[in-house]
Amino acid sequence: MRVVALWVLATWCAECVWGGFTVVDYPLVALFLGPLYGSVAVLIREVARRRGGGWPVMVLLAAAFGVVQAGLVDQSLFDRAALAGTEFAEWNRAAEATWVPGLGFSAEQLFEWVRNHVWLSVCAPIAVVEACSAPAVRRVPWLSRRGVVGLVVLYVLGSVVNWSGSGRVVSSVQVAAVLVVAAGLVAAALWTCPPARPESVSRVGPLVLGVLVLVVELGAWFFGGGWLGLGLRVVALLLVVVLAVRWARSGRHVVAVWGAGLVSAAVGAFLAPPYEAAEPWLMVVSDVFGAVLVAGLLVVAWRRSGSVRVALR
């Protein structure tokens, strides 16, 4: 049940919590994108927990997934026509203000997509499902070897289906760049060890920490585009990392940090259109459903997580 819950939640968070699809599209999202997003989230958690690692490992592996997903699977990072027929066509054009010549991609889009995959597609769903699980199984592996192999096969099949919709767009140089970056992130994740420092009581409560992270997240909406706006967003993300590393010491702190990203995405859904134009009433219903679901999940995760000291590792 835990694996299924993470599989479904990761898929929904990846494409729906921020308003990418309406409620009528949820079954198709689960069918076609579940093997891609859900499988990866479960596998990343499994690798981290089997190695005795924690959040640094999961963040690095999720970043590697984000780079591969945007660069090689759906190829939206390099395919300028990927969003041309969607409601995000204007943002796609505006993102060219941070164009990286030679490699042919927008630095803004790379940052946003990888960041969202780390936060929404992988880490926030893991944090919620682990918090809702029994304490004895929160930090242990959940899959058998057959389960791991099965999810790897599902992920490969999901990637092939997703890739076949675009065909080959990327050049050999772009493929090499993506593979080098992804390999570096994976290597860093596998070499990351849990911190040796003892766990301690945080001087900042989890609710205060969550509000601080949410304020930073919402504030980043107003930084504008271009290189300046991107630079400010990077600084904001680094500030979130500093806040989390410095003060997250319990299960509720972890839920508060990652949950702030879900809240930000659910709020942003009211301001962002889905990929395909939809009736206003349907968008409102979908956004309200997403907000209520996020609130309910975080309330349950908050109550189940308690004050058990875990540290952000």
Protein backbone atom coordinates (compact mmCIF):
# COMPACT_ATOMS: atom_id res chain seq x y z
CA MET A 1 0.00 0.00 0.00
CA ARG A 2 2.84 2.43 0.81
CA VAL A 3 4.47 1.81 -2.57
CA VAL A 4 1.18 2.29 -4.42
CA ALA A 5 0.44 5.48 -2.46
CA LEU A 6 3.85 6.94 -3.32
CA TRP A 7 3.53 5.85 -6.95
CA VAL A 8 0.16 7.58 -7.35
CA LEU A 9 1.01 10.68 -5.32
CA ALA A 10 4.31 11.28 -7.13
CA THR A 11 2.54 11.10 -10.49
CA TRP A 12 -0.17 13.51 -9.38
CA CYS A 13 2.31 15.96 -7.84
CA ALA A 14 4.50 15.89 -10.94
CA GLU A 15 1.82 16.99 -13.40
CA CYS A 16 -1.41 17.88 -11.62
CA VAL A 17 -0.89 19.65 -8.28
CA TRP A 18 0.27 22.83 -10.04
CA GLY A 19 -2.63 22.74 -12.52
CA GLY A 20 -1.08 21.04 -15.54
CA PHE A 21 -4.11 18.80 -16.01
CA THR A 22 -7.75 18.99 -14.94
CA VAL A 23 -9.53 16.34 -12.90
CA VAL A 24 -11.00 14.68 -16.00
CA ASP A 25 -7.48 13.96 -17.20
CA TYR A 26 -6.28 12.31 -13.98
CA PRO A 27 -6.97 8.70 -15.08
CA LEU A 28 -4.95 9.15 -18.29
CA VAL A 29 -2.15 10.86 -16.37
CA ALA A 30 -1.96 7.92 -13.97
CA LEU A 31 -2.03 5.41 -16.84
CA PHE A 32 0.57 6.97 -19.13
CA LEU A 33 2.76 8.96 -16.76
CA GLY A 34 2.57 6.76 -13.66
CA PRO A 35 5.24 4.36 -14.94
CA LEU A 36 7.48 7.37 -15.53
CA TYR A 37 7.07 9.50 -12.40
CA GLY A 38 5.68 7.04 -9.87
CA SER A 39 8.27 4.38 -10.59
CA VAL A 40 11.15 6.84 -10.30
CA ALA A 41 9.98 8.25 -6.97
CA VAL A 42 9.70 4.78 -5.45
CA LEU A 43 13.07 3.69 -6.88
CA ILE A 44 14.86 6.82 -5.67
CA ARG A 45 13.54 6.31 -2.17
CA GLU A 46 14.50 2.65 -2.30
CA VAL A 47 18.10 3.39 -3.34
CA ALA A 48 18.49 6.03 -0.63
CA ARG A 49 17.07 3.88 2.16
CA ARG A 50 18.95 0.75 1.12
CA ARG A 51 22.20 2.70 1.29
CA GLY A 52 21.33 4.14 4.68
CA GLY A 53 21.17 7.61 3.18
CA GLY A 54 18.47 10.23 3.32
CA TRP A 55 17.41 13.50 1.83
CA PRO A 56 20.74 14.60 0.28
CA VAL A 57 20.85 11.31 -1.63
CA MET A 58 17.23 11.62 -2.74
CA VAL A 59 17.65 15.25 -3.81
CA LEU A 60 20.71 14.45 -5.93
CA LEU A 61 19.07 11.42 -7.55
CA ALA A 62 15.90 13.42 -8.19
CA ALA A 63 17.98 16.16 -9.83
CA ALA A 64 19.60 13.55 -12.07
CA PHE A 65 16.15 12.30 -13.02
CA GLY A 66 14.99 15.85 -13.74
CA VAL A 67 17.93 16.47 -16.08
CA VAL A 68 17.36 13.20 -17.95
CA GLN A 69 13.60 13.70 -18.13
CA ALA A 70 13.78 17.24 -19.55
CA GLY A 71 16.83 16.61 -21.71
CA LEU A 72 16.42 13.10 -23.11
CA VAL A 73 12.98 11.65 -22.37
CA ASP A 74 10.44 14.34 -23.24
CA GLN A 75 13.25 16.51 -24.66
CA SER A 76 11.33 19.68 -23.79
CA LEU A 77 14.59 21.32 -22.70
CA PHE A 78 15.92 21.30 -26.26
CA ASP A 79 12.73 21.08 -28.33
CA ARG A 80 11.48 24.63 -28.82
CA ALA A 81 8.23 23.28 -30.29
CA ALA A 82 7.42 21.13 -27.25
CA LEU A 83 5.23 23.79 -25.62
CA ALA A 84 4.28 25.67 -28.78
CA GLY A 85 0.78 24.20 -28.93
CA THR A 86 0.04 24.55 -25.22
CA GLU A 87 -1.09 27.33 -22.89
CA PHE A 88 2.58 27.81 -21.94
CA ALA A 89 3.73 28.90 -25.39
CA GLU A 90 4.30 32.51 -24.29
CA TRP A 91 6.42 31.46 -21.30
CA ASN A 92 8.35 29.18 -23.64
CA ARG A 93 9.25 32.19 -25.80
CA ALA A 94 10.01 34.44 -22.83
CA ALA A 95 12.35 31.81 -21.36
CA GLU A 96 14.68 32.32 -24.32
CA ALA A 97 15.95 35.44 -22.51
CA THR A 98 18.25 33.03 -20.61
CA TRP A 99 19.36 31.16 -23.71
CA VAL A 100 22.60 29.20 -23.46
CA PRO A 101 24.28 29.29 -26.88
CA GLY A 102 26.08 26.22 -28.11
CA LEU A 103 24.03 23.78 -26.07
CA GLY A 104 20.72 25.31 -27.15
CA PHE A 105 18.53 25.50 -24.07
CA SER A 106 17.02 28.02 -21.67
CA ALA A 107 18.74 28.16 -18.29
CA GLU A 108 15.47 29.31 -16.73
CA GLN A 109 13.62 26.27 -18.01
CA LEU A 110 16.40 23.95 -16.88
CA PHE A 111 16.24 25.40 -13.38
CA GLU A 112 12.45 25.35 -13.13
CA TRP A 113 11.99 21.85 -14.50
CA VAL A 114 14.75 20.21 -12.50
CA ARG A 115 13.73 22.06 -9.33
CA ASN A 116 10.10 21.02 -9.76
CA HIS A 117 11.03 17.40 -10.40
CA VAL A 118 13.14 17.36 -7.23
CA TRP A 119 10.50 19.04 -5.10
CA LEU A 120 7.18 17.92 -6.52
CA SER A 121 7.82 14.72 -8.47
CA VAL A 122 10.05 13.01 -5.91
CA CYS A 123 10.84 14.51 -2.52
CA ALA A 124 7.53 15.99 -1.37
CA PRO A 125 5.58 12.78 -2.14
CA ILE A 126 8.22 10.70 -0.35
CA ALA A 127 8.06 12.99 2.69
CA VAL A 128 4.27 12.77 2.89
CA VAL A 129 4.02 9.01 2.41
CA GLU A 130 6.85 8.28 4.85
CA ALA A 131 5.27 10.56 7.45
CA CYS A 132 1.93 8.76 7.08
CA SER A 133 3.58 5.35 7.45
CA ALA A 134 4.24 3.53 10.70
CA PRO A 135 7.43 4.77 12.42
CA ALA A 136 9.07 1.34 12.14
CA VAL A 137 9.01 1.39 8.32
CA ARG A 138 9.65 5.04 7.52
CA ARG A 139 13.37 4.69 6.93
CA VAL A 140 13.67 1.11 5.71
CA PRO A 141 13.41 -0.38 2.18
CA TRP A 142 9.93 -1.20 0.95
CA LEU A 143 10.64 -3.32 -2.12
CA SER A 144 11.88 -6.81 -2.81
CA ARG A 145 14.43 -7.38 -5.56
CA ARG A 146 11.63 -8.42 -7.90
CA GLY A 147 9.80 -5.22 -7.05
CA VAL A 148 12.86 -3.15 -7.90
CA VAL A 149 13.31 -4.94 -11.24
CA GLY A 150 9.62 -4.53 -12.03
CA LEU A 151 9.68 -0.79 -11.42
CA VAL A 152 12.86 -0.39 -13.48
CA VAL A 153 11.11 -2.12 -16.37
CA LEU A 154 8.06 0.10 -15.92
CA TYR A 155 10.23 3.21 -15.91
CA VAL A 156 12.03 2.17 -19.09
CA LEU A 157 8.74 1.43 -20.83
CA GLY A 158 7.28 4.75 -19.64
CA SER A 159 10.34 6.61 -20.92
CA VAL A 160 10.13 4.91 -24.32
CA VAL A 161 6.45 5.78 -24.68
CA ASN A 162 7.11 9.37 -23.62
CA TRP A 163 10.11 9.66 -25.95
CA SER A 164 8.32 8.16 -28.93
CA GLY A 165 5.85 11.03 -28.88
CA SER A 166 8.59 13.52 -29.72
CA GLY A 167 11.06 11.54 -31.79
CA ARG A 168 14.73 12.41 -31.78
CA VAL A 169 15.26 16.13 -31.27
CA VAL A 170 18.51 16.42 -29.34
CA SER A 171 21.97 16.47 -30.90
CA SER A 172 24.89 14.24 -29.95
CA VAL A 173 26.50 17.11 -28.05
CA GLN A 174 23.32 17.71 -26.07
CA VAL A 175 22.97 14.01 -25.26
CA ALA A 176 26.56 13.91 -24.04
CA ALA A 177 26.07 17.01 -21.87
CA VAL A 178 22.93 15.58 -20.25
CA LEU A 179 24.59 12.22 -19.56
CA VAL A 180 27.67 13.84 -18.03
CA VAL A 181 25.61 16.04 -15.70
CA ALA A 182 23.28 13.19 -14.73
CA ALA A 183 26.20 10.83 -14.11
CA GLY A 184 27.87 13.44 -11.92
CA LEU A 185 24.73 13.86 -9.84
CA VAL A 186 24.29 10.10 -9.45
CA ALA A 187 27.93 9.67 -8.45
CA ALA A 188 27.59 12.45 -5.88
CA ALA A 189 24.46 10.78 -4.50
CA LEU A 190 26.10 7.38 -4.18
CA TRP A 191 29.12 8.87 -2.42
CA THR A 192 27.04 10.94 -0.03
CA CYS A 193 27.13 9.69 3.57
CA PRO A 194 24.82 10.65 6.43
CA PRO A 195 26.24 13.48 8.56
CA ALA A 196 28.18 12.41 11.62
CA ARG A 197 26.82 15.20 13.84
CA PRO A 198 24.38 14.08 16.54
CA GLU A 199 20.72 14.93 16.23
CA SER A 200 19.55 17.87 18.30
CA VAL A 201 16.41 19.78 19.11
CA SER A 202 15.66 22.59 16.69
CA ARG A 203 15.32 26.08 18.05
CA VAL A 204 12.72 26.82 15.37
CA GLY A 205 9.35 25.08 15.40
CA PRO A 206 8.24 23.12 12.32
CA LEU A 207 5.30 25.40 11.62
CA VAL A 208 7.54 28.49 11.71
CA LEU A 209 10.04 26.78 9.41
CA GLY A 210 7.31 25.79 6.99
CA VAL A 211 5.95 29.33 6.87
CA LEU A 212 9.43 30.74 6.25
CA VAL A 213 9.99 28.34 3.37
CA LEU A 214 6.55 29.11 1.94
CA VAL A 215 7.19 32.87 2.10
CA VAL A 216 10.45 32.43 0.23
CA GLU A 217 8.72 30.22 -2.33
CA LEU A 218 5.87 32.65 -2.94
CA GLY A 219 8.23 35.62 -3.00
CA ALA A 220 10.20 34.01 -5.83
CA TRP A 221 7.13 34.39 -8.05
CA PHE A 222 7.76 38.13 -8.29
CA PHE A 223 11.40 38.06 -9.40
CA GLY A 224 10.58 38.40 -13.07
CA GLY A 225 12.35 36.78 -16.00
CA GLY A 226 15.76 37.03 -17.59
CA TRP A 227 19.11 36.34 -16.00
CA LEU A 228 18.41 38.62 -13.04
CA GLY A 229 15.17 36.88 -12.19
CA LEU A 230 16.81 33.48 -12.55
CA GLY A 231 19.68 34.53 -10.31
CA LEU A 232 17.24 35.68 -7.62
CA ARG A 233 15.37 32.38 -7.83
CA VAL A 234 18.62 30.49 -7.37
CA VAL A 235 19.40 32.60 -4.30
CA ALA A 236 15.90 31.93 -2.95
CA LEU A 237 16.37 28.19 -3.40
CA LEU A 238 19.74 28.32 -1.64
CA LEU A 239 18.06 30.18 1.22
CA VAL A 240 15.48 27.39 1.50
CA VAL A 241 18.29 24.82 1.60
CA VAL A 242 20.07 26.75 4.36
CA LEU A 243 16.86 27.04 6.41
CA ALA A 244 16.13 23.34 6.04
CA VAL A 245 19.64 22.10 6.82
CA ARG A 246 19.99 24.41 9.80
CA TRP A 247 16.64 23.90 11.49
CA ALA A 248 14.92 20.71 10.26
CA ARG A 249 15.34 18.17 13.06
CA SER A 250 12.08 16.23 13.31
CA GLY A 251 9.53 14.47 11.17
CA ARG A 252 7.27 17.49 11.35
CA HIS A 253 10.10 19.76 10.20
CA VAL A 254 10.57 17.53 7.15
CA VAL A 255 6.84 17.61 6.37
CA ALA A 256 6.82 21.39 6.82
CA VAL A 257 9.74 21.98 4.43
CA TRP A 258 8.57 19.75 1.59
CA GLY A 259 4.91 20.52 2.28
CA ALA A 260 5.56 24.23 1.74
CA GLY A 261 6.42 23.40 -1.87
CA LEU A 262 3.15 21.53 -2.31
CA VAL A 263 1.20 24.44 -0.85
CA SER A 264 2.99 26.85 -3.16
CA ALA A 265 2.19 24.66 -6.17
CA ALA A 266 -1.46 24.28 -5.17
CA VAL A 267 -1.81 28.06 -4.79
CA GLY A 268 -0.05 28.62 -8.10
CA ALA A 269 -2.54 26.31 -9.82
CA PHE A 270 -5.20 29.02 -9.43
CA LEU A 271 -2.99 31.37 -11.43
CA ALA A 272 -1.69 28.97 -14.09
CA PRO A 273 -3.64 27.36 -16.93
CA PRO A 274 -3.51 23.64 -17.75
CA TYR A 275 -1.53 22.50 -20.78
CA GLU A 276 -4.68 22.39 -22.88
CA ALA A 277 -7.37 25.08 -22.71
CA ALA A 278 -10.31 24.05 -20.53
CA GLU A 279 -13.62 25.48 -19.35
CA PRO A 280 -13.19 27.99 -16.48
CA TRP A 281 -15.47 26.02 -14.16
CA LEU A 282 -13.45 22.85 -14.75
CA MET A 283 -10.19 24.63 -13.95
CA VAL A 284 -11.68 26.02 -10.73
CA VAL A 285 -12.98 22.60 -9.68
CA SER A 286 -9.59 21.04 -10.42
CA ASP A 287 -7.69 23.73 -8.52
CA VAL A 288 -10.01 23.51 -5.51
CA PHE A 289 -9.72 19.72 -5.51
CA GLY A 290 -5.91 20.00 -5.61
CA ALA A 291 -5.82 22.51 -2.76
CA VAL A 292 -8.14 20.40 -0.58
CA LEU A 293 -6.14 17.24 -1.30
CA VAL A 294 -2.83 18.93 -0.44
CA ALA A 295 -4.29 20.33 2.78
CA GLY A 296 -5.70 16.95 3.78
CA LEU A 297 -2.48 15.08 3.05
CA LEU A 298 -0.37 17.55 4.99
CA VAL A 299 -2.72 17.48 7.99
CA VAL A 300 -2.54 13.69 8.12
CA ALA A 301 1.23 13.68 7.59
CA TRP A 302 1.66 16.33 10.31
CA ARG A 303 -0.36 14.35 12.83
CA ARG A 304 1.30 11.02 12.02
CA SER A 305 4.86 12.35 11.95
CA GLY A 306 4.79 13.64 15.53
CA SER A 307 8.00 15.10 16.94
CA VAL A 308 10.29 12.14 16.26
CA ARG A 309 13.82 13.41 15.68
CA VAL A 310 15.07 12.46 12.24
CA ALA A 311 17.14 15.42 11.00
CA LEU A 312 17.16 16.37 7.36
CA ARG A 313 19.45 13.60 6.17
